[in-house]
Amino acid sequence: MVNNDTAAHQGDYSKPNAKTAVEVKPSDLPIHCPMEGSSLWDSHPQVYIPVAENGGESRCPYCGTVFKLLEN
């Protein structure tokens, strides 16, 4: 059975971790995965990604998405 309330709004959310690499600005920090706007019901637990502490690039331990810190 389809929940019409849920089905009607699925287009409002992006598929979780649809990108394999995400570029982030210093103003975006701290960053977490999955990111804002992702549908969380079919994703992994939210974790903070230590991009700045790892030389400007870090990988999500759950899904493998790479987060790259852009320079100013």
C-alpha atoms as a PDB file:
ATOM      1  CA  MET A   1       0.000   0.000   0.000  1.00  0.00           C
ATOM      2  CA  VAL A   2       1.352   3.417  -0.966  1.00  0.00           C
ATOM      3  CA  ASN A   3       1.320   6.252   1.519  1.00  0.00           C
ATOM      4  CA  ASN A   4       0.048   9.129  -0.618  1.00  0.00           C
ATOM      5  CA  ASP A   5       1.505  11.758   1.715  1.00  0.00           C
ATOM      6  CA  THR A   6       4.998  10.298   1.373  1.00  0.00           C
ATOM      7  CA  ALA A   7       4.758   9.533  -2.329  1.00  0.00           C
ATOM      8  CA  ALA A   8       3.647  13.070  -3.137  1.00  0.00           C
ATOM      9  CA  HIS A   9       6.765  14.613  -1.562  1.00  0.00           C
ATOM     10  CA  GLN A  10       9.522  12.209  -2.625  1.00  0.00           C
ATOM     11  CA  GLY A  11      10.671  14.584  -5.351  1.00  0.00           C
ATOM     12  CA  ASP A  12      11.419  17.180  -2.659  1.00  0.00           C
ATOM     13  CA  TYR A  13      14.450  15.196  -1.454  1.00  0.00           C
ATOM     14  CA  SER A  14      17.584  14.170  -3.240  1.00  0.00           C
ATOM     15  CA  LYS A  15      18.687  10.579  -3.217  1.00  0.00           C
ATOM     16  CA  PRO A  16      21.092  10.167  -0.288  1.00  0.00           C
ATOM     17  CA  ASN A  17      24.741  10.324  -1.262  1.00  0.00           C
ATOM     18  CA  ALA A  18      23.902  10.659  -4.953  1.00  0.00           C
ATOM     19  CA  LYS A  19      27.302  12.262  -5.528  1.00  0.00           C
ATOM     20  CA  THR A  20      30.553  10.387  -4.966  1.00  0.00           C
ATOM     21  CA  ALA A  21      32.531  13.594  -4.386  1.00  0.00           C
ATOM     22  CA  VAL A  22      31.354  16.799  -2.739  1.00  0.00           C
ATOM     23  CA  GLU A  23      33.271  20.082  -2.743  1.00  0.00           C
ATOM     24  CA  VAL A  24      32.765  22.160   0.392  1.00  0.00           C
ATOM     25  CA  LYS A  25      33.714  25.733   1.249  1.00  0.00           C
ATOM     26  CA  PRO A  26      35.256  26.677   4.592  1.00  0.00           C
ATOM     27  CA  SER A  27      31.984  28.442   5.412  1.00  0.00           C
ATOM     28  CA  ASP A  28      30.160  25.074   5.077  1.00  0.00           C
ATOM     29  CA  LEU A  29      32.110  23.531   7.959  1.00  0.00           C
ATOM     30  CA  PRO A  30      31.393  21.525   9.978  1.00  0.00           C
ATOM     31  CA  ILE A  31      30.013  19.203   7.303  1.00  0.00           C
ATOM     32  CA  HIS A  32      28.130  15.974   7.838  1.00  0.00           C
ATOM     33  CA  CYS A  33      26.992  13.054   5.746  1.00  0.00           C
ATOM     34  CA  PRO A  34      24.287  12.557   4.653  1.00  0.00           C
ATOM     35  CA  MET A  35      23.926  16.229   3.821  1.00  0.00           C
ATOM     36  CA  GLU A  36      20.941  18.562   4.198  1.00  0.00           C
ATOM     37  CA  GLY A  37      18.177  17.791   1.746  1.00  0.00           C
ATOM     38  CA  SER A  38      18.903  14.065   1.586  1.00  0.00           C
ATOM     39  CA  SER A  39      16.128  11.640   2.322  1.00  0.00           C
ATOM     40  CA  LEU A  40      17.262  10.091   5.570  1.00  0.00           C
ATOM     41  CA  TRP A  41      14.890   7.141   5.709  1.00  0.00           C
ATOM     42  CA  ASP A  42      17.081   5.037   3.390  1.00  0.00           C
ATOM     43  CA  SER A  43      20.503   6.329   4.370  1.00  0.00           C
ATOM     44  CA  HIS A  44      23.131   5.763   7.038  1.00  0.00           C
ATOM     45  CA  PRO A  45      23.446   7.468  10.451  1.00  0.00           C
ATOM     46  CA  GLN A  46      24.594  11.083  10.310  1.00  0.00           C
ATOM     47  CA  VAL A  47      28.345  11.494  10.888  1.00  0.00           C
ATOM     48  CA  TYR A  48      30.543  14.589  10.864  1.00  0.00           C
ATOM     49  CA  ILE A  49      33.354  14.516   8.332  1.00  0.00           C
ATOM     50  CA  PRO A  50      36.739  15.902   9.532  1.00  0.00           C
ATOM     51  CA  VAL A  51      37.695  17.551   6.244  1.00  0.00           C
ATOM     52  CA  ALA A  52      39.829  20.377   7.643  1.00  0.00           C
ATOM     53  CA  GLU A  53      41.659  18.041  10.029  1.00  0.00           C
ATOM     54  CA  ASN A  54      42.580  15.583   7.255  1.00  0.00           C
ATOM     55  CA  GLY A  55      44.433  17.852   4.855  1.00  0.00           C
ATOM     56  CA  GLY A  56      41.367  19.070   2.993  1.00  0.00           C
ATOM     57  CA  GLU A  57      39.926  15.716   1.944  1.00  0.00           C
ATOM     58  CA  SER A  58      38.022  13.086   3.876  1.00  0.00           C
ATOM     59  CA  ARG A  59      35.811  10.099   3.094  1.00  0.00           C
ATOM     60  CA  CYS A  60      32.533   9.126   4.755  1.00  0.00           C
ATOM     61  CA  PRO A  61      33.108   5.856   6.631  1.00  0.00           C
ATOM     62  CA  TYR A  62      29.617   4.605   5.733  1.00  0.00           C
ATOM     63  CA  CYS A  63      29.033   5.394   2.058  1.00  0.00           C
ATOM     64  CA  GLY A  64      32.487   6.370   0.802  1.00  0.00           C
ATOM     65  CA  THR A  65      31.506   9.845  -0.417  1.00  0.00           C
ATOM     66  CA  VAL A  66      34.645  11.994  -0.671  1.00  0.00           C
ATOM     67  CA  PHE A  67      34.453  15.521   0.767  1.00  0.00           C
ATOM     68  CA  LYS A  68      37.012  18.014  -0.612  1.00  0.00           C
ATOM     69  CA  LEU A  69      37.657  21.367   1.014  1.00  0.00           C
ATOM     70  CA  LEU A  70      37.963  24.221  -1.481  1.00  0.00           C
ATOM     71  CA  GLU A  71      40.498  26.923  -0.837  1.00  0.00           C
ATOM     72  CA  ASN A  72      39.293  30.518  -0.511  1.00  0.00           C
END
